[in-house]
Amino acid sequence: MAAITLKGIPDKLKERLEAIAKRERRSLNQQAILLLERAVAEEPIGFEQAYSRFRKSHGDSPLEDGDLEELRGEEEGRPVNL
């Protein structure tokens, strides 16, 4: 089994990991592996997919076709200041 060393972990993050590990009765190493496994198992989704999932769970949208493009800024996925 491979090993890695993480350097430069912020103190607050380490404290949070330790607290979660203690609460879940795991070692810090076990907890870190579990969280890493979960993080890489999730497939990142784009805005359109996330919005589609939201619409399916929350019903129809007040937006109409084309509104999303108008709400986007010049950078992909960044809203325009209205």
PDB file of N, CA and C in Angstrom:
ATOM      1  N   MET A   1       0.854  -1.169   0.000  1.00  0.00           N
ATOM      2  CA  MET A   1       0.000   0.000   0.000  1.00  0.00           C
ATOM      3  C   MET A   1       0.902   1.235   0.000  1.00  0.00           C
ATOM      4  N   ALA A   2       0.533   2.229  -0.783  1.00  0.00           N
ATOM      5  CA  ALA A   2       1.328   3.445  -0.906  1.00  0.00           C
ATOM      6  C   ALA A   2       1.123   4.367   0.286  1.00  0.00           C
ATOM      7  N   ALA A   3       2.065   5.266   0.453  1.00  0.00           N
ATOM      8  CA  ALA A   3       1.973   6.263   1.517  1.00  0.00           C
ATOM      9  C   ALA A   3       2.246   7.633   0.914  1.00  0.00           C
ATOM     10  N   ILE A   4       1.581   8.651   1.457  1.00  0.00           N
ATOM     11  CA  ILE A   4       1.854  10.025   1.056  1.00  0.00           C
ATOM     12  C   ILE A   4       2.005  10.875   2.312  1.00  0.00           C
ATOM     13  N   THR A   5       2.691  11.965   2.161  1.00  0.00           N
ATOM     14  CA  THR A   5       2.842  12.921   3.248  1.00  0.00           C
ATOM     15  C   THR A   5       2.237  14.225   2.783  1.00  0.00           C
ATOM     16  N   LEU A   6       1.381  14.797   3.581  1.00  0.00           N
ATOM     17  CA  LEU A   6       0.779  16.087   3.261  1.00  0.00           C
ATOM     18  C   LEU A   6       1.493  17.155   4.070  1.00  0.00           C
ATOM     19  N   LYS A   7       1.965  18.171   3.373  1.00  0.00           N
ATOM     20  CA  LYS A   7       2.670  19.260   4.041  1.00  0.00           C
ATOM     21  C   LYS A   7       1.857  20.529   3.923  1.00  0.00           C
ATOM     22  N   GLY A   8       1.967  21.363   4.909  1.00  0.00           N
ATOM     23  CA  GLY A   8       1.329  22.667   4.855  1.00  0.00           C
ATOM     24  C   GLY A   8      -0.167  22.649   5.109  1.00  0.00           C
ATOM     25  N   ILE A   9      -0.653  21.649   5.818  1.00  0.00           N
ATOM     26  CA  ILE A   9      -2.083  21.590   6.152  1.00  0.00           C
ATOM     27  C   ILE A   9      -2.361  22.698   7.170  1.00  0.00           C
ATOM     28  N   PRO A  10      -3.320  23.561   6.869  1.00  0.00           N
ATOM     29  CA  PRO A  10      -3.652  24.620   7.833  1.00  0.00           C
ATOM     30  C   PRO A  10      -4.093  24.015   9.170  1.00  0.00           C
ATOM     31  N   ASP A  11      -3.702  24.682  10.255  1.00  0.00           N
ATOM     32  CA  ASP A  11      -4.014  24.187  11.598  1.00  0.00           C
ATOM     33  C   ASP A  11      -5.511  23.942  11.786  1.00  0.00           C
ATOM     34  N   LYS A  12      -6.333  24.860  11.317  1.00  0.00           N
ATOM     35  CA  LYS A  12      -7.788  24.723  11.485  1.00  0.00           C
ATOM     36  C   LYS A  12      -8.310  23.480  10.770  1.00  0.00           C
ATOM     37  N   LEU A  13      -7.779  23.194   9.573  1.00  0.00           N
ATOM     38  CA  LEU A  13      -8.204  22.007   8.834  1.00  0.00           C
ATOM     39  C   LEU A  13      -7.804  20.744   9.593  1.00  0.00           C
ATOM     40  N   LYS A  14      -6.586  20.713  10.097  1.00  0.00           N
ATOM     41  CA  LYS A  14      -6.129  19.549  10.864  1.00  0.00           C
ATOM     42  C   LYS A  14      -6.992  19.350  12.100  1.00  0.00           C
ATOM     43  N   GLU A  15      -7.309  20.451  12.783  1.00  0.00           N
ATOM     44  CA  GLU A  15      -8.162  20.354  13.967  1.00  0.00           C
ATOM     45  C   GLU A  15      -9.539  19.810  13.614  1.00  0.00           C
ATOM     46  N   ARG A  16     -10.096  20.262  12.495  1.00  0.00           N
ATOM     47  CA  ARG A  16     -11.413  19.757  12.067  1.00  0.00           C
ATOM     48  C   ARG A  16     -11.342  18.273  11.737  1.00  0.00           C
ATOM     49  N   LEU A  17     -10.279  17.855  11.029  1.00  0.00           N
ATOM     50  CA  LEU A  17     -10.108  16.437  10.708  1.00  0.00           C
ATOM     51  C   LEU A  17      -9.981  15.599  11.975  1.00  0.00           C
ATOM     52  N   GLU A  18      -9.210  16.091  12.929  1.00  0.00           N
ATOM     53  CA  GLU A  18      -9.041  15.371  14.189  1.00  0.00           C
ATOM     54  C   GLU A  18     -10.361  15.262  14.939  1.00  0.00           C
ATOM     55  N   ALA A  19     -11.150  16.325  14.942  1.00  0.00           N
ATOM     56  CA  ALA A  19     -12.440  16.298  15.641  1.00  0.00           C
ATOM     57  C   ALA A  19     -13.393  15.303  14.993  1.00  0.00           C
ATOM     58  N   ILE A  20     -13.428  15.302  13.667  1.00  0.00           N
ATOM     59  CA  ILE A  20     -14.295  14.345  12.960  1.00  0.00           C
ATOM     60  C   ILE A  20     -13.833  12.926  13.233  1.00  0.00           C
ATOM     61  N   ALA A  21     -12.530  12.698  13.150  1.00  0.00           N
ATOM     62  CA  ALA A  21     -11.984  11.362  13.388  1.00  0.00           C
ATOM     63  C   ALA A  21     -12.325  10.871  14.801  1.00  0.00           C
ATOM     64  N   LYS A  22     -12.184  11.753  15.767  1.00  0.00           N
ATOM     65  CA  LYS A  22     -12.500  11.374  17.153  1.00  0.00           C
ATOM     66  C   LYS A  22     -13.980  11.025  17.287  1.00  0.00           C
ATOM     67  N   ARG A  23     -14.828  11.883  16.701  1.00  0.00           N
ATOM     68  CA  ARG A  23     -16.279  11.650  16.775  1.00  0.00           C
ATOM     69  C   ARG A  23     -16.663  10.334  16.109  1.00  0.00           C
ATOM     70  N   GLU A  24     -16.005  10.008  15.008  1.00  0.00           N
ATOM     71  CA  GLU A  24     -16.316   8.782  14.257  1.00  0.00           C
ATOM     72  C   GLU A  24     -15.501   7.579  14.720  1.00  0.00           C
ATOM     73  N   ARG A  25     -14.686   7.794  15.755  1.00  0.00           N
ATOM     74  CA  ARG A  25     -13.838   6.729  16.333  1.00  0.00           C
ATOM     75  C   ARG A  25     -12.907   6.111  15.285  1.00  0.00           C
ATOM     76  N   ARG A  26     -12.249   7.013  14.552  1.00  0.00           N
ATOM     77  CA  ARG A  26     -11.264   6.597  13.564  1.00  0.00           C
ATOM     78  C   ARG A  26      -9.953   7.303  13.883  1.00  0.00           C
ATOM     79  N   SER A  27      -8.876   6.745  13.351  1.00  0.00           N
ATOM     80  CA  SER A  27      -7.606   7.459  13.441  1.00  0.00           C
ATOM     81  C   SER A  27      -7.648   8.610  12.446  1.00  0.00           C
ATOM     82  N   LEU A  28      -6.752   9.555  12.625  1.00  0.00           N
ATOM     83  CA  LEU A  28      -6.668  10.674  11.695  1.00  0.00           C
ATOM     84  C   LEU A  28      -6.387  10.151  10.287  1.00  0.00           C
ATOM     85  N   ASN A  29      -5.517   9.183  10.176  1.00  0.00           N
ATOM     86  CA  ASN A  29      -5.183   8.586   8.884  1.00  0.00           C
ATOM     87  C   ASN A  29      -6.408   7.929   8.247  1.00  0.00           C
ATOM     88  N   GLN A  30      -7.151   7.140   9.018  1.00  0.00           N
ATOM     89  CA  GLN A  30      -8.354   6.483   8.495  1.00  0.00           C
ATOM     90  C   GLN A  30      -9.380   7.511   8.014  1.00  0.00           C
ATOM     91  N   GLN A  31      -9.537   8.565   8.786  1.00  0.00           N
ATOM     92  CA  GLN A  31     -10.516   9.596   8.423  1.00  0.00           C
ATOM     93  C   GLN A  31     -10.087  10.319   7.152  1.00  0.00           C
ATOM     94  N   ALA A  32      -8.808  10.637   7.050  1.00  0.00           N
ATOM     95  CA  ALA A  32      -8.308  11.322   5.862  1.00  0.00           C
ATOM     96  C   ALA A  32      -8.499  10.454   4.614  1.00  0.00           C
ATOM     97  N   ILE A  33      -8.218   9.168   4.722  1.00  0.00           N
ATOM     98  CA  ILE A  33      -8.408   8.258   3.586  1.00  0.00           C
ATOM     99  C   ILE A  33      -9.880   8.193   3.195  1.00  0.00           C
ATOM    100  N   LEU A  34     -10.762   8.060   4.180  1.00  0.00           N
ATOM    101  CA  LEU A  34     -12.198   8.001   3.900  1.00  0.00           C
ATOM    102  C   LEU A  34     -12.663   9.255   3.157  1.00  0.00           C
ATOM    103  N   LEU A  35     -12.258  10.425   3.647  1.00  0.00           N
ATOM    104  CA  LEU A  35     -12.677  11.673   3.012  1.00  0.00           C
ATOM    105  C   LEU A  35     -12.087  11.825   1.612  1.00  0.00           C
ATOM    106  N   LEU A  36     -10.845  11.414   1.424  1.00  0.00           N
ATOM    107  CA  LEU A  36     -10.241  11.454   0.092  1.00  0.00           C
ATOM    108  C   LEU A  36     -10.965  10.511  -0.870  1.00  0.00           C
ATOM    109  N   GLU A  37     -11.304   9.315  -0.394  1.00  0.00           N
ATOM    110  CA  GLU A  37     -12.045   8.371  -1.239  1.00  0.00           C
ATOM    111  C   GLU A  37     -13.377   8.956  -1.676  1.00  0.00           C
ATOM    112  N   ARG A  38     -14.081   9.570  -0.734  1.00  0.00           N
ATOM    113  CA  ARG A  38     -15.368  10.185  -1.070  1.00  0.00           C
ATOM    114  C   ARG A  38     -15.195  11.320  -2.072  1.00  0.00           C
ATOM    115  N   ALA A  39     -14.170  12.130  -1.862  1.00  0.00           N
ATOM    116  CA  ALA A  39     -13.958  13.297  -2.722  1.00  0.00           C
ATOM    117  C   ALA A  39     -13.645  12.888  -4.160  1.00  0.00           C
ATOM    118  N   VAL A  40     -12.817  11.883  -4.341  1.00  0.00           N
ATOM    119  CA  VAL A  40     -12.452  11.499  -5.705  1.00  0.00           C
ATOM    120  C   VAL A  40     -13.505  10.606  -6.351  1.00  0.00           C
ATOM    121  N   ALA A  41     -14.397  10.029  -5.548  1.00  0.00           N
ATOM    122  CA  ALA A  41     -15.461   9.200  -6.111  1.00  0.00           C
ATOM    123  C   ALA A  41     -16.553  10.051  -6.741  1.00  0.00           C
ATOM    124  N   GLU A  42     -16.715  11.277  -6.256  1.00  0.00           N
ATOM    125  CA  GLU A  42     -17.743  12.159  -6.781  1.00  0.00           C
ATOM    126  C   GLU A  42     -17.296  12.724  -8.116  1.00  0.00           C
ATOM    127  N   GLU A  43     -18.168  12.628  -9.096  1.00  0.00           N
ATOM    128  CA  GLU A  43     -17.849  13.192 -10.399  1.00  0.00           C
ATOM    129  C   GLU A  43     -18.286  14.649 -10.411  1.00  0.00           C
ATOM    130  N   PRO A  44     -17.341  15.555 -10.669  1.00  0.00           N
ATOM    131  CA  PRO A  44     -17.733  16.964 -10.692  1.00  0.00           C
ATOM    132  C   PRO A  44     -18.747  17.230 -11.799  1.00  0.00           C
ATOM    133  N   ILE A  45     -19.706  18.074 -11.504  1.00  0.00           N
ATOM    134  CA  ILE A  45     -20.710  18.397 -12.504  1.00  0.00           C
ATOM    135  C   ILE A  45     -20.648  19.883 -12.813  1.00  0.00           C
ATOM    136  N   GLY A  46     -21.112  20.222 -13.996  1.00  0.00           N
ATOM    137  CA  GLY A  46     -21.144  21.607 -14.407  1.00  0.00           C
ATOM    138  C   GLY A  46     -22.419  22.287 -13.936  1.00  0.00           C
ATOM    139  N   PHE A  47     -22.492  23.572 -14.206  1.00  0.00           N
ATOM    140  CA  PHE A  47     -23.637  24.362 -13.781  1.00  0.00           C
ATOM    141  C   PHE A  47     -24.932  23.832 -14.381  1.00  0.00           C
ATOM    142  N   GLU A  48     -24.916  23.512 -15.676  1.00  0.00           N
ATOM    143  CA  GLU A  48     -26.144  23.056 -16.334  1.00  0.00           C
ATOM    144  C   GLU A  48     -26.683  21.785 -15.700  1.00  0.00           C
ATOM    145  N   GLN A  49     -25.784  20.838 -15.390  1.00  0.00           N
ATOM    146  CA  GLN A  49     -26.217  19.599 -14.743  1.00  0.00           C
ATOM    147  C   GLN A  49     -26.757  19.867 -13.344  1.00  0.00           C
ATOM    148  N   ALA A  50     -26.075  20.714 -12.597  1.00  0.00           N
ATOM    149  CA  ALA A  50     -26.532  21.029 -11.246  1.00  0.00           C
ATOM    150  C   ALA A  50     -27.891  21.722 -11.291  1.00  0.00           C
ATOM    151  N   TYR A  51     -28.055  22.636 -12.242  1.00  0.00           N
ATOM    152  CA  TYR A  51     -29.318  23.359 -12.358  1.00  0.00           C
ATOM    153  C   TYR A  51     -30.437  22.411 -12.791  1.00  0.00           C
ATOM    154  N   SER A  52     -30.112  21.483 -13.668  1.00  0.00           N
ATOM    155  CA  SER A  52     -31.097  20.499 -14.107  1.00  0.00           C
ATOM    156  C   SER A  52     -31.549  19.632 -12.936  1.00  0.00           C
ATOM    157  N   ARG A  53     -30.606  19.187 -12.116  1.00  0.00           N
ATOM    158  CA  ARG A  53     -30.960  18.397 -10.928  1.00  0.00           C
ATOM    159  C   ARG A  53     -31.830  19.217  -9.977  1.00  0.00           C
ATOM    160  N   PHE A  54     -31.468  20.482  -9.812  1.00  0.00           N
ATOM    161  CA  PHE A  54     -32.246  21.358  -8.943  1.00  0.00           C
ATOM    162  C   PHE A  54     -33.674  21.491  -9.452  1.00  0.00           C
ATOM    163  N   ARG A  55     -33.827  21.675 -10.760  1.00  0.00           N
ATOM    164  CA  ARG A  55     -35.165  21.817 -11.341  1.00  0.00           C
ATOM    165  C   ARG A  55     -35.984  20.545 -11.147  1.00  0.00           C
ATOM    166  N   LYS A  56     -35.345  19.398 -11.299  1.00  0.00           N
ATOM    167  CA  LYS A  56     -36.064  18.132 -11.121  1.00  0.00           C
ATOM    168  C   LYS A  56     -36.569  17.975  -9.698  1.00  0.00           C
ATOM    169  N   SER A  57     -35.775  18.426  -8.732  1.00  0.00           N
ATOM    170  CA  SER A  57     -36.180  18.253  -7.336  1.00  0.00           C
ATOM    171  C   SER A  57     -37.048  19.396  -6.811  1.00  0.00           C
ATOM    172  N   HIS A  58     -36.999  20.568  -7.457  1.00  0.00           N
ATOM    173  CA  HIS A  58     -37.742  21.719  -6.956  1.00  0.00           C
ATOM    174  C   HIS A  58     -38.821  22.226  -7.908  1.00  0.00           C
ATOM    175  N   GLY A  59     -39.035  21.532  -9.003  1.00  0.00           N
ATOM    176  CA  GLY A  59     -40.093  21.936  -9.920  1.00  0.00           C
ATOM    177  C   GLY A  59     -39.632  22.912 -10.986  1.00  0.00           C
ATOM    178  N   ASP A  60     -40.596  23.409 -11.719  1.00  0.00           N
ATOM    179  CA  ASP A  60     -40.310  24.292 -12.842  1.00  0.00           C
ATOM    180  C   ASP A  60     -39.593  25.561 -12.399  1.00  0.00           C
ATOM    181  N   SER A  61     -38.839  26.091 -13.317  1.00  0.00           N
ATOM    182  CA  SER A  61     -38.056  27.293 -13.066  1.00  0.00           C
ATOM    183  C   SER A  61     -38.792  28.523 -13.579  1.00  0.00           C
ATOM    184  N   PRO A  62     -38.616  29.648 -12.899  1.00  0.00           N
ATOM    185  CA  PRO A  62     -39.183  30.890 -13.416  1.00  0.00           C
ATOM    186  C   PRO A  62     -38.382  31.422 -14.605  1.00  0.00           C
ATOM    187  N   LEU A  63     -37.193  30.848 -14.846  1.00  0.00           N
ATOM    188  CA  LEU A  63     -36.379  31.280 -15.978  1.00  0.00           C
ATOM    189  C   LEU A  63     -36.881  30.647 -17.261  1.00  0.00           C
ATOM    190  N   GLU A  64     -36.662  31.331 -18.347  1.00  0.00           N
ATOM    191  CA  GLU A  64     -37.033  30.792 -19.647  1.00  0.00           C
ATOM    192  C   GLU A  64     -35.769  30.459 -20.415  1.00  0.00           C
ATOM    193  N   ASP A  65     -35.917  29.704 -21.495  1.00  0.00           N
ATOM    194  CA  ASP A  65     -34.760  29.346 -22.305  1.00  0.00           C
ATOM    195  C   ASP A  65     -33.999  30.604 -22.691  1.00  0.00           C
ATOM    196  N   GLY A  66     -32.693  30.537 -22.570  1.00  0.00           N
ATOM    197  CA  GLY A  66     -31.854  31.671 -22.911  1.00  0.00           C
ATOM    198  C   GLY A  66     -31.541  32.585 -21.740  1.00  0.00           C
ATOM    199  N   ASP A  67     -32.332  32.528 -20.674  1.00  0.00           N
ATOM    200  CA  ASP A  67     -32.089  33.396 -19.528  1.00  0.00           C
ATOM    201  C   ASP A  67     -30.753  33.102 -18.854  1.00  0.00           C
ATOM    202  N   LEU A  68     -30.358  31.830 -18.832  1.00  0.00           N
ATOM    203  CA  LEU A  68     -29.109  31.470 -18.169  1.00  0.00           C
ATOM    204  C   LEU A  68     -27.923  32.149 -18.837  1.00  0.00           C
ATOM    205  N   GLU A  69     -27.926  32.192 -20.156  1.00  0.00           N
ATOM    206  CA  GLU A  69     -26.825  32.826 -20.869  1.00  0.00           C
ATOM    207  C   GLU A  69     -26.762  34.318 -20.545  1.00  0.00           C
ATOM    208  N   GLU A  70     -27.917  34.942 -20.411  1.00  0.00           N
ATOM    209  CA  GLU A  70     -27.955  36.365 -20.089  1.00  0.00           C
ATOM    210  C   GLU A  70     -27.451  36.631 -18.671  1.00  0.00           C
ATOM    211  N   LEU A  71     -27.681  35.683 -17.764  1.00  0.00           N
ATOM    212  CA  LEU A  71     -27.274  35.858 -16.378  1.00  0.00           C
ATOM    213  C   LEU A  71     -25.790  35.621 -16.159  1.00  0.00           C
ATOM    214  N   ARG A  72     -25.125  35.011 -17.132  1.00  0.00           N
ATOM    215  CA  ARG A  72     -23.705  34.723 -17.009  1.00  0.00           C
ATOM    216  C   ARG A  72     -22.884  35.941 -17.357  1.00  0.00           C
ATOM    217  N   GLY A  73     -21.754  36.052 -16.684  1.00  0.00           N
ATOM    218  CA  GLY A  73     -20.827  37.130 -16.984  1.00  0.00           C
ATOM    219  C   GLY A  73     -19.927  36.726 -18.125  1.00  0.00           C
ATOM    220  N   GLU A  74     -18.899  37.486 -18.329  1.00  0.00           N
ATOM    221  CA  GLU A  74     -17.966  37.187 -19.398  1.00  0.00           C
ATOM    222  C   GLU A  74     -17.164  35.934 -19.089  1.00  0.00           C
ATOM    223  N   GLU A  75     -16.901  35.670 -17.800  1.00  0.00           N
ATOM    224  CA  GLU A  75     -16.204  34.450 -17.431  1.00  0.00           C
ATOM    225  C   GLU A  75     -17.239  33.355 -17.233  1.00  0.00           C
ATOM    226  N   GLU A  76     -16.945  32.160 -17.715  1.00  0.00           N
ATOM    227  CA  GLU A  76     -17.867  31.017 -17.639  1.00  0.00           C
ATOM    228  C   GLU A  76     -18.364  30.799 -16.236  1.00  0.00           C
ATOM    229  N   GLY A  77     -19.691  30.799 -16.085  1.00  0.00           N
ATOM    230  CA  GLY A  77     -20.305  30.449 -14.814  1.00  0.00           C
ATOM    231  C   GLY A  77     -20.341  31.570 -13.790  1.00  0.00           C
ATOM    232  N   ARG A  78     -19.845  32.748 -14.115  1.00  0.00           N
ATOM    233  CA  ARG A  78     -19.870  33.831 -13.138  1.00  0.00           C
ATOM    234  C   ARG A  78     -21.024  34.749 -13.446  1.00  0.00           C
ATOM    235  N   PRO A  79     -21.899  34.984 -12.470  1.00  0.00           N
ATOM    236  CA  PRO A  79     -23.075  35.816 -12.719  1.00  0.00           C
ATOM    237  C   PRO A  79     -22.700  37.285 -12.929  1.00  0.00           C
ATOM    238  N   VAL A  80     -23.522  37.941 -13.674  1.00  0.00           N
ATOM    239  CA  VAL A  80     -23.358  39.365 -13.907  1.00  0.00           C
ATOM    240  C   VAL A  80     -23.935  40.103 -12.705  1.00  0.00           C
ATOM    241  N   ASN A  81     -23.334  41.191 -12.331  1.00  0.00           N
ATOM    242  CA  ASN A  81     -23.907  42.009 -11.253  1.00  0.00           C
ATOM    243  C   ASN A  81     -25.157  42.693 -11.790  1.00  0.00           C
ATOM    244  N   LEU A  82     -26.281  42.376 -11.183  1.00  0.00           N
ATOM    245  CA  LEU A  82     -27.547  42.956 -11.637  1.00  0.00           C
ATOM    246  C   LEU A  82     -27.873  44.230 -10.889  1.00  0.00           C
TER     247      LEU A  82
END
